[in-house]
Amino acid sequence: MAKLLIKNARIVNEGEQRESDVLIEDAHIERIDADISDDQACIVDAEGDWVLPGIIDDQVHFREQGLTHKGNLDTESKAALAGGITSFMEQPNTNPQTTTIKKLEEKFRMAAKSAWANYSFPFGGTNDNLEELKRLDKMACSGVKLFLGSSTGNMLVDDEKVLEAIFKNTEMVICTHCEDEQTIRTNLEKYKKEYGDDIPIALHPIIRSEEACYLSSSKAVALAKRTGARLHVFHVSTGKETELFRNDIPLSEKKITAEVCLHHLWFSDEDYAEKGTFIKWNPAVKTAQDRTMLWDALLDDRIDVVATDHAPHTLSEKQQPYTKAPSGGPLVQHALLGMLQNVKTGKISIEKMVEKMCHNPAMLFDVEKRGFIREGYYADLVQVSSRHSEIVSRGNVLYKCGWSPFEGTVFDHKVMRTFINGHLAYDKGKFSKERKAMRLTFNR
């Protein structure tokens, strides 16, 4: 592989910014220093822009296999690349589900042929695959995913004995979707009797309520404490849930961690009137007060990671009545830009944003040699500019589903370049024809 030399970069890494050059050779960062010279290297001028570690998204749904009319590993990872996401962890609720070791390895083989960004896949736990899970090599994948509220497919784990056995027998990170199923069903039936299928979307956070979220996540946290399991709670959506997590110890010592997604930091229930089912997610977008409390928890380190939960559906699917419109939306192309908008307004520093989107996912999942700009690490990098802006429209989204909940939004930054394993994969709107993505490896 040819050497690359990034000149005139403003590196953001490990809590500081500094002007530096970056020399890349054979997929890795060879040297970080001021005013590097190398006659063998191809020069890339960063023009004083920020250069960040590549974003690691710990929760996406790229829909392959079985749901590829919505998206696939090729289309969605390409959109991720344009959004500065260099590594992703794609969830197991596909068709067929990734709930056997055989299916897990099939997914890895598929990604090796079609992914544009580095990849891993958590193993999906169910009520009846505990013995298969026990056979899983802890180095094989990013972790174990459990749905403690129903989702796509039949992956609800509601047998408490099985759940406890999974927590006791898993060395890897257990990632949970926490919503209490019975609470949701009771609420849904109440409003179906009143409205039929055409329930007002404004009732979505009432149906998938704070109570449903807190009841489930608090039980998961209690079980993790009792069993000593390593728990990571996905997409926390309520202020009340933030009380469950600690900030008095460093991430390296935490056994219970939490993630928030961009949509819960960006939207509130006030946006349902305009956006309708296009911002229907599970868990639901809730109140402005919940959003404020999520930001508080992110900034004081009770919440450790920012992710997307990217989950595309077609326009026709999303435009159905409430009970038939699926939950989820496409986000990977604009997640970094959304967070940078909050950097511009002063809500979060860019150093803190990099910690939550790059460093912490790498640390939390024990990802090998990624998530930081360090000599010897893989050269996964993203150049972002505050000199350019971007307006989101259906004409420039790259998702297979062809829409974005951010349509009409003007972002005051732009992703200029994305490097994958030392390869310039995305360059000012143009993609390389070469795929250089790799399977993520782990230090465990």
Protein backbone atom coordinates (compact mmCIF):
# COMPACT_ATOMS: atom_id res chain seq x y z
CA MET A 1 0.00 0.00 0.00
CA ALA A 2 1.31 3.47 -0.88
CA LYS A 3 2.26 5.83 1.90
CA LEU A 4 -0.07 8.76 2.65
CA LEU A 5 1.01 11.93 4.38
CA ILE A 6 -1.74 14.14 5.78
CA LYS A 7 -0.40 17.70 6.07
CA ASN A 8 -1.83 20.70 7.92
CA ALA A 9 -4.23 18.76 10.14
CA ARG A 10 -5.78 19.99 13.38
CA ILE A 11 -5.89 16.68 15.24
CA VAL A 12 -8.52 16.16 17.92
CA ASN A 13 -7.51 13.25 20.12
CA GLU A 14 -7.47 12.24 23.78
CA GLY A 15 -8.76 15.52 25.14
CA GLU A 16 -6.67 17.96 23.14
CA GLN A 17 -6.24 19.64 19.78
CA ARG A 18 -2.92 20.12 18.06
CA GLU A 19 -1.62 21.05 14.63
CA SER A 20 0.28 18.12 13.20
CA ASP A 21 0.97 15.92 10.20
CA VAL A 22 0.12 12.23 10.05
CA LEU A 23 2.18 9.70 8.10
CA ILE A 24 0.33 6.52 7.13
CA GLU A 25 1.87 3.29 5.86
CA ASP A 26 0.42 -0.21 5.39
CA ALA A 27 -2.97 0.54 7.01
CA HIS A 28 -1.41 2.00 10.15
CA ILE A 29 -0.36 5.37 11.50
CA GLU A 30 3.41 5.41 11.21
CA ARG A 31 4.17 8.83 12.68
CA ILE A 32 2.42 11.86 14.16
CA ASP A 33 4.54 14.99 14.27
CA ALA A 34 4.86 18.57 13.09
CA ASP A 35 6.20 19.14 9.57
CA ILE A 36 6.82 15.53 8.47
CA SER A 37 8.57 15.00 5.13
CA ASP A 38 8.58 11.77 3.12
CA ASP A 39 9.47 11.67 -0.57
CA GLN A 40 7.68 8.32 -0.99
CA ALA A 41 4.33 9.52 0.36
CA CYS A 42 1.28 10.83 -1.47
CA ILE A 43 0.38 14.20 0.09
CA VAL A 44 -3.14 14.96 1.31
CA ASP A 45 -3.63 18.58 2.43
CA ALA A 46 -6.14 18.83 5.30
CA GLU A 47 -6.12 22.64 4.92
CA GLY A 48 -6.25 23.24 8.66
CA ASP A 49 -9.42 21.17 9.11
CA TRP A 50 -10.10 18.96 12.08
CA VAL A 51 -8.89 15.38 11.71
CA LEU A 52 -10.63 13.03 14.11
CA PRO A 53 -10.41 9.31 14.80
CA GLY A 54 -12.95 7.47 12.68
CA ILE A 55 -16.35 7.21 14.37
CA ILE A 56 -17.23 3.79 15.84
CA ASP A 57 -21.00 3.24 15.76
CA ASP A 58 -21.90 0.49 18.20
CA GLN A 59 -25.49 0.07 17.04
CA VAL A 60 -26.77 -0.04 13.46
CA HIS A 61 -29.33 -2.06 11.51
CA PHE A 62 -28.17 -2.42 7.91
CA ARG A 63 -30.99 -4.93 7.12
CA GLU A 64 -29.04 -7.73 5.50
CA GLN A 65 -30.19 -10.50 5.30
CA GLY A 66 -33.89 -10.66 4.51
CA LEU A 67 -34.80 -6.98 4.72
CA THR A 68 -32.67 -5.64 1.89
CA HIS A 69 -35.48 -3.64 0.27
CA LYS A 70 -34.76 -1.17 3.12
CA GLY A 71 -30.95 -1.24 3.00
CA ASN A 72 -27.99 -3.58 2.89
CA LEU A 73 -24.39 -3.83 4.02
CA ASP A 74 -23.19 -2.16 0.83
CA THR A 75 -25.50 0.86 0.67
CA GLU A 76 -25.65 1.67 4.36
CA SER A 77 -21.94 1.23 5.10
CA LYS A 78 -21.20 3.50 2.13
CA ALA A 79 -23.49 6.15 3.63
CA ALA A 80 -21.71 5.63 6.94
CA LEU A 81 -18.36 6.24 5.26
CA ALA A 82 -19.65 9.56 3.87
CA GLY A 83 -20.67 10.41 7.43
CA GLY A 84 -17.23 9.74 8.90
CA ILE A 85 -18.17 6.39 10.46
CA THR A 86 -15.30 3.97 9.91
CA SER A 87 -16.49 1.02 12.04
CA PHE A 88 -19.95 -0.33 12.79
CA MET A 89 -21.60 -3.07 14.83
CA GLU A 90 -24.67 -4.35 12.99
CA GLN A 91 -27.48 -5.83 15.07
CA PRO A 92 -28.83 -9.40 14.85
CA ASN A 93 -32.56 -8.84 14.22
CA THR A 94 -32.41 -9.58 10.51
CA ASN A 95 -34.07 -12.43 8.62
CA PRO A 96 -32.69 -14.95 9.38
CA GLN A 97 -31.61 -13.67 12.76
CA THR A 98 -27.97 -13.86 13.83
CA THR A 99 -28.67 -16.25 16.70
CA THR A 100 -26.37 -19.15 15.81
CA ILE A 101 -22.62 -19.26 15.35
CA LYS A 102 -23.17 -20.47 11.79
CA LYS A 103 -25.34 -17.46 10.94
CA LEU A 104 -22.88 -15.13 12.64
CA GLU A 105 -20.01 -16.37 10.46
CA GLU A 106 -22.23 -16.10 7.38
CA LYS A 107 -22.71 -12.42 8.17
CA PHE A 108 -18.95 -11.93 8.46
CA ARG A 109 -18.43 -13.58 5.07
CA MET A 110 -21.06 -11.33 3.51
CA ALA A 111 -19.50 -8.21 5.01
CA ALA A 112 -16.05 -9.19 3.76
CA LYS A 113 -17.43 -8.88 0.23
CA SER A 114 -19.70 -5.84 0.55
CA ALA A 115 -18.88 -3.58 3.52
CA TRP A 116 -17.17 -0.23 2.98
CA ALA A 117 -16.48 0.34 6.69
CA ASN A 118 -14.96 -1.95 9.31
CA TYR A 119 -17.52 -4.31 10.77
CA SER A 120 -18.59 -6.61 13.55
CA PHE A 121 -21.84 -8.29 14.52
CA PRO A 122 -23.13 -9.02 18.01
CA PHE A 123 -24.59 -12.46 18.64
CA GLY A 124 -28.34 -12.37 19.27
CA GLY A 125 -29.60 -13.99 22.47
CA THR A 126 -33.02 -15.67 22.58
CA ASN A 127 -35.07 -17.69 25.03
CA ASP A 128 -33.67 -20.93 23.60
CA ASN A 129 -30.08 -20.49 22.38
CA LEU A 130 -28.15 -20.38 25.66
CA GLU A 131 -26.09 -23.47 24.84
CA GLU A 132 -25.07 -21.96 21.49
CA LEU A 133 -24.11 -18.75 23.25
CA LYS A 134 -21.89 -20.69 25.68
CA ARG A 135 -19.93 -22.04 22.69
CA LEU A 136 -19.27 -18.55 21.33
CA ASP A 137 -15.61 -17.49 21.33
CA LYS A 138 -15.31 -14.16 23.20
CA MET A 139 -12.97 -12.91 20.46
CA ALA A 140 -15.42 -13.68 17.67
CA CYS A 141 -17.61 -10.60 17.71
CA SER A 142 -18.47 -7.33 19.42
CA GLY A 143 -20.74 -8.80 22.10
CA VAL A 144 -24.19 -10.22 22.81
CA LYS A 145 -27.44 -8.39 22.01
CA LEU A 146 -30.62 -8.94 24.00
CA PHE A 147 -34.02 -7.46 23.23
CA LEU A 148 -35.86 -7.01 26.52
CA GLY A 149 -38.70 -5.43 24.54
CA SER A 150 -40.01 -6.76 21.23
CA SER A 151 -38.42 -5.68 17.98
CA THR A 152 -38.07 -6.89 14.39
CA GLY A 153 -38.48 -10.66 14.38
CA ASN A 154 -39.04 -12.85 17.42
CA MET A 155 -36.06 -11.97 19.60
CA LEU A 156 -37.78 -10.92 22.81
CA VAL A 157 -36.01 -12.51 25.79
CA ASP A 158 -38.71 -12.68 28.44
CA ASP A 159 -37.83 -15.88 30.30
CA GLU A 160 -36.23 -14.58 33.49
CA LYS A 161 -34.38 -17.83 34.22
CA VAL A 162 -32.83 -17.80 30.74
CA LEU A 163 -32.00 -14.12 31.10
CA GLU A 164 -30.16 -14.69 34.36
CA ALA A 165 -28.32 -17.66 32.87
CA ILE A 166 -27.17 -15.51 29.93
CA PHE A 167 -25.90 -12.85 32.32
CA LYS A 168 -24.03 -15.47 34.35
CA ASN A 169 -22.49 -17.24 31.34
CA THR A 170 -21.34 -14.38 29.13
CA GLU A 171 -17.87 -12.86 29.31
CA MET A 172 -18.49 -10.31 26.56
CA VAL A 173 -20.44 -7.08 26.75
CA ILE A 174 -24.20 -7.71 26.94
CA CYS A 175 -26.03 -4.97 25.03
CA THR A 176 -29.71 -4.55 25.86
CA HIS A 177 -32.74 -2.92 24.33
CA CYS A 178 -34.72 -2.11 27.48
CA GLU A 179 -38.49 -1.60 27.29
CA ASP A 180 -41.01 -3.53 29.35
CA GLU A 181 -43.17 -5.48 26.92
CA GLN A 182 -46.25 -5.87 29.13
CA THR A 183 -46.40 -2.16 29.89
CA ILE A 184 -46.23 -1.34 26.19
CA ARG A 185 -48.90 -3.88 25.26
CA THR A 186 -51.27 -2.57 27.93
CA ASN A 187 -50.80 1.02 26.77
CA LEU A 188 -51.17 0.08 23.11
CA GLU A 189 -54.41 -1.80 23.65
CA LYS A 190 -55.87 1.17 25.52
CA TYR A 191 -55.30 3.52 22.59
CA LYS A 192 -56.23 0.98 19.92
CA LYS A 193 -59.67 0.75 21.52
CA GLU A 194 -59.98 4.52 21.19
CA TYR A 195 -58.37 5.14 17.79
CA GLY A 196 -58.02 1.81 15.99
CA ASP A 197 -54.85 1.64 13.87
CA ASP A 198 -54.68 5.40 13.35
CA ILE A 199 -53.36 6.32 16.79
CA PRO A 200 -51.94 9.89 16.87
CA ILE A 201 -48.16 9.71 16.67
CA ALA A 202 -47.95 12.11 19.62
CA LEU A 203 -49.04 9.21 21.81
CA HIS A 204 -46.00 7.10 20.86
CA PRO A 205 -43.95 8.24 23.91
CA ILE A 206 -47.01 7.61 26.09
CA ILE A 207 -47.40 4.07 24.76
CA ARG A 208 -43.67 3.31 24.89
CA SER A 209 -43.48 5.23 28.09
CA GLU A 210 -40.91 6.35 30.64
CA GLU A 211 -42.31 3.64 32.91
CA ALA A 212 -41.73 0.94 30.28
CA CYS A 213 -38.13 2.06 29.78
CA TYR A 214 -37.22 2.49 33.43
CA LEU A 215 -38.85 -0.74 34.57
CA SER A 216 -36.83 -2.75 32.04
CA SER A 217 -33.49 -0.93 32.31
CA SER A 218 -33.55 -0.90 36.12
CA LYS A 219 -34.16 -4.67 36.14
CA ALA A 220 -31.27 -5.20 33.72
CA VAL A 221 -28.95 -3.07 35.86
CA ALA A 222 -30.01 -4.93 39.02
CA LEU A 223 -29.39 -8.28 37.30
CA ALA A 224 -25.95 -7.16 36.11
CA LYS A 225 -25.03 -6.09 39.64
CA ARG A 226 -26.21 -9.42 41.05
CA THR A 227 -24.42 -11.58 38.49
CA GLY A 228 -21.34 -9.44 37.81
CA ALA A 229 -22.14 -9.31 34.10
CA ARG A 230 -20.76 -6.63 31.80
CA LEU A 231 -23.87 -4.65 30.75
CA HIS A 232 -24.24 -1.90 28.17
CA VAL A 233 -27.72 -0.33 27.93
CA PHE A 234 -28.49 0.81 24.40
CA HIS A 235 -30.38 4.01 23.44
CA VAL A 236 -31.32 5.41 26.83
CA SER A 237 -34.25 7.75 26.15
CA THR A 238 -35.48 9.08 29.52
CA GLY A 239 -34.05 11.34 32.15
CA LYS A 240 -35.14 8.94 34.86
CA GLU A 241 -32.97 6.15 33.47
CA THR A 242 -29.84 8.28 33.72
CA GLU A 243 -30.06 7.89 37.52
CA LEU A 244 -29.08 4.23 37.08
CA PHE A 245 -25.55 4.95 35.87
CA ARG A 246 -22.35 6.03 37.61
CA ASN A 247 -19.85 8.78 36.87
CA ASP A 248 -17.66 8.45 39.96
CA ILE A 249 -15.31 5.90 38.38
CA PRO A 250 -13.49 5.87 35.01
CA LEU A 251 -14.89 3.96 32.06
CA SER A 252 -12.16 1.34 32.38
CA GLU A 253 -13.58 0.35 35.77
CA LYS A 254 -17.28 0.42 34.85
CA LYS A 255 -19.17 -2.87 34.48
CA ILE A 256 -22.44 -1.10 33.63
CA THR A 257 -22.42 1.49 30.86
CA ALA A 258 -24.93 3.39 28.74
CA GLU A 259 -25.44 4.74 25.24
CA VAL A 260 -27.57 7.59 23.91
CA CYS A 261 -28.50 8.01 20.26
CA LEU A 262 -28.44 11.20 18.24
CA HIS A 263 -32.21 11.32 17.72
CA HIS A 264 -32.87 11.36 21.45
CA LEU A 265 -30.41 14.25 21.79
CA TRP A 266 -31.86 16.15 18.83
CA PHE A 267 -35.65 15.70 18.73
CA SER A 268 -38.38 15.90 21.39
CA ASP A 269 -42.10 15.13 21.51
CA GLU A 270 -42.67 18.69 20.22
CA ASP A 271 -41.37 17.52 16.83
CA TYR A 272 -44.02 14.85 16.22
CA ALA A 273 -46.43 17.46 14.83
CA GLU A 274 -44.04 18.24 11.97
CA LYS A 275 -42.12 14.98 11.51
CA GLY A 276 -44.86 12.43 12.27
CA THR A 277 -43.86 8.77 11.92
CA PHE A 278 -40.52 9.78 10.38
CA ILE A 279 -39.28 10.21 13.96
CA LYS A 280 -41.02 7.10 15.27
CA TRP A 281 -38.30 5.13 17.07
CA ASN A 282 -38.21 2.46 19.75
CA PRO A 283 -37.58 3.63 22.41
CA ALA A 284 -39.62 6.71 21.60
CA VAL A 285 -38.38 10.27 21.39
CA LYS A 286 -39.70 11.77 24.61
CA THR A 287 -39.97 15.20 26.24
CA ALA A 288 -37.70 18.21 25.97
CA GLN A 289 -36.96 17.72 29.67
CA ASP A 290 -35.84 14.14 28.97
CA ARG A 291 -33.60 15.46 26.21
CA THR A 292 -32.03 18.00 28.58
CA MET A 293 -31.41 15.31 31.20
CA LEU A 294 -29.83 13.03 28.58
CA TRP A 295 -27.45 15.82 27.61
CA ASP A 296 -26.61 16.39 31.27
CA ALA A 297 -25.82 12.69 31.73
CA LEU A 298 -23.73 12.59 28.57
CA LEU A 299 -21.68 15.58 29.66
CA ASP A 300 -21.12 14.37 33.23
CA ASP A 301 -20.17 10.85 32.05
CA ARG A 302 -23.11 8.82 33.32
CA ILE A 303 -23.74 8.13 29.62
CA ASP A 304 -20.63 6.85 27.86
CA VAL A 305 -21.35 6.52 24.12
CA VAL A 306 -23.20 8.33 21.34
CA ALA A 307 -24.50 6.08 18.54
CA THR A 308 -27.13 6.11 15.79
CA ASP A 309 -29.36 3.01 15.97
CA HIS A 310 -29.51 3.53 12.19
CA ALA A 311 -32.60 1.59 11.06
CA PRO A 312 -33.90 2.41 7.58
CA HIS A 313 -37.43 1.76 6.37
CA THR A 314 -38.94 2.69 3.02
CA LEU A 315 -41.01 5.83 2.60
CA SER A 316 -44.14 3.81 1.94
CA GLU A 317 -43.61 1.82 5.14
CA LYS A 318 -43.08 4.92 7.27
CA GLN A 319 -46.17 6.65 5.85
CA GLN A 320 -48.56 3.96 7.08
CA PRO A 321 -50.93 4.48 10.05
CA TYR A 322 -49.36 4.37 13.51
CA THR A 323 -49.74 0.66 14.29
CA LYS A 324 -48.34 -0.37 10.91
CA ALA A 325 -45.59 2.22 10.48
CA PRO A 326 -42.32 0.60 11.60
CA SER A 327 -40.03 2.27 14.12
CA GLY A 328 -36.57 3.42 13.12
CA GLY A 329 -34.84 5.82 10.78
CA PRO A 330 -31.62 6.32 8.80
CA LEU A 331 -28.91 8.35 10.58
CA VAL A 332 -25.34 7.24 9.79
CA GLN A 333 -24.68 9.84 7.09
CA HIS A 334 -25.51 12.75 9.39
CA ALA A 335 -24.76 11.65 12.95
CA LEU A 336 -21.32 13.26 13.09
CA LEU A 337 -22.66 16.43 11.48
CA GLY A 338 -25.48 16.52 14.01
CA MET A 339 -23.07 16.28 16.91
CA LEU A 340 -20.78 18.91 15.35
CA GLN A 341 -23.77 21.24 15.20
CA ASN A 342 -23.95 20.90 18.98
CA VAL A 343 -20.21 21.58 19.14
CA LYS A 344 -20.82 24.83 17.27
CA THR A 345 -23.56 25.94 19.68
CA GLY A 346 -21.32 25.17 22.65
CA LYS A 347 -23.42 22.33 24.03
CA ILE A 348 -20.48 19.92 23.87
CA SER A 349 -16.78 20.37 23.14
CA ILE A 350 -15.28 18.64 20.15
CA GLU A 351 -12.87 16.83 22.49
CA LYS A 352 -15.81 15.44 24.48
CA MET A 353 -17.64 14.48 21.30
CA VAL A 354 -14.61 12.52 20.09
CA GLU A 355 -14.44 10.78 23.47
CA LYS A 356 -18.08 9.66 23.21
CA MET A 357 -18.07 8.65 19.53
CA CYS A 358 -14.53 7.32 19.06
CA HIS A 359 -12.51 6.62 22.21
CA ASN A 360 -15.23 5.21 24.44
CA PRO A 361 -16.76 2.71 21.97
CA ALA A 362 -13.25 1.36 21.32
CA MET A 363 -12.55 1.03 25.05
CA LEU A 364 -15.95 -0.32 25.97
CA PHE A 365 -15.87 -3.13 23.40
CA ASP A 366 -12.09 -3.73 23.65
CA VAL A 367 -11.64 -2.93 19.96
CA GLU A 368 -8.06 -3.52 18.89
CA LYS A 369 -6.02 -0.49 17.73
CA ARG A 370 -8.91 1.75 16.71
CA GLY A 371 -10.75 4.74 18.12
CA PHE A 372 -7.63 6.87 18.74
CA ILE A 373 -5.06 8.70 16.66
CA ARG A 374 -1.92 6.93 17.86
CA GLU A 375 1.22 5.67 16.22
CA GLY A 376 0.82 1.95 15.48
CA TYR A 377 -2.97 2.15 15.37
CA TYR A 378 -5.06 1.56 12.27
CA ALA A 379 -5.38 4.74 10.21
CA ASP A 380 -9.15 5.21 10.50
CA LEU A 381 -9.53 8.97 10.24
CA VAL A 382 -12.09 11.58 9.23
CA GLN A 383 -11.44 15.13 8.06
CA VAL A 384 -14.26 17.58 8.81
CA SER A 385 -14.44 21.21 7.80
CA SER A 386 -16.16 24.18 9.41
CA ARG A 387 -15.49 26.14 6.21
CA HIS A 388 -18.25 24.28 4.37
CA SER A 389 -21.90 23.57 5.17
CA GLU A 390 -24.35 20.95 4.01
CA ILE A 391 -28.12 21.00 3.59
CA VAL A 392 -29.86 17.63 3.75
CA SER A 393 -32.25 16.78 0.92
CA ARG A 394 -33.63 13.64 -0.66
CA GLY A 395 -31.34 14.33 -3.59
CA ASN A 396 -28.16 13.90 -1.56
CA VAL A 397 -28.95 11.15 0.92
CA LEU A 398 -27.11 7.91 0.22
CA TYR A 399 -29.38 5.50 2.11
CA LYS A 400 -31.19 2.90 0.02
CA CYS A 401 -34.49 4.04 1.58
CA GLY A 402 -33.94 7.50 0.05
CA TRP A 403 -34.95 9.80 2.91
CA SER A 404 -33.67 11.34 6.15
CA PRO A 405 -35.37 12.73 9.28
CA PHE A 406 -32.97 15.69 8.86
CA GLU A 407 -34.31 16.79 5.48
CA GLY A 408 -34.14 20.58 5.25
CA THR A 409 -31.56 20.84 8.04
CA VAL A 410 -28.46 22.92 7.35
CA PHE A 411 -25.35 21.55 9.05
CA ASP A 412 -22.49 23.99 9.49
CA HIS A 413 -19.77 21.39 8.91
CA LYS A 414 -18.98 18.94 6.15
CA VAL A 415 -17.20 15.60 6.05
CA MET A 416 -14.40 16.12 3.57
CA ARG A 417 -12.45 12.86 3.67
CA THR A 418 -12.67 9.48 5.36
CA PHE A 419 -9.72 7.11 5.62
CA ILE A 420 -10.21 3.36 6.25
CA ASN A 421 -7.17 1.33 7.26
CA GLY A 422 -4.86 3.90 5.70
CA HIS A 423 -6.86 4.07 2.47
CA LEU A 424 -8.53 7.28 1.28
CA ALA A 425 -11.99 5.81 0.87
CA TYR A 426 -14.09 8.98 0.61
CA ASP A 427 -12.70 12.19 -0.86
CA LYS A 428 -14.89 15.29 -1.14
CA GLY A 429 -17.99 13.48 -2.33
CA LYS A 430 -16.25 10.74 -4.30
CA PHE A 431 -15.79 7.15 -3.20
CA SER A 432 -12.81 4.95 -3.92
CA LYS A 433 -13.57 1.91 -6.02
CA GLU A 434 -11.55 -0.23 -3.62
CA ARG A 435 -13.05 -1.68 -0.44
CA LYS A 436 -10.48 -1.76 2.35
CA ALA A 437 -12.80 -2.53 5.27
CA MET A 438 -11.69 -5.12 7.83
CA ARG A 439 -13.35 -7.33 10.41
CA LEU A 440 -12.91 -5.75 13.84
CA THR A 441 -10.65 -7.59 16.24
CA PHE A 442 -10.64 -7.34 20.02
CA ASN A 443 -8.23 -7.29 22.98
CA ARG A 444 -9.93 -9.50 25.56
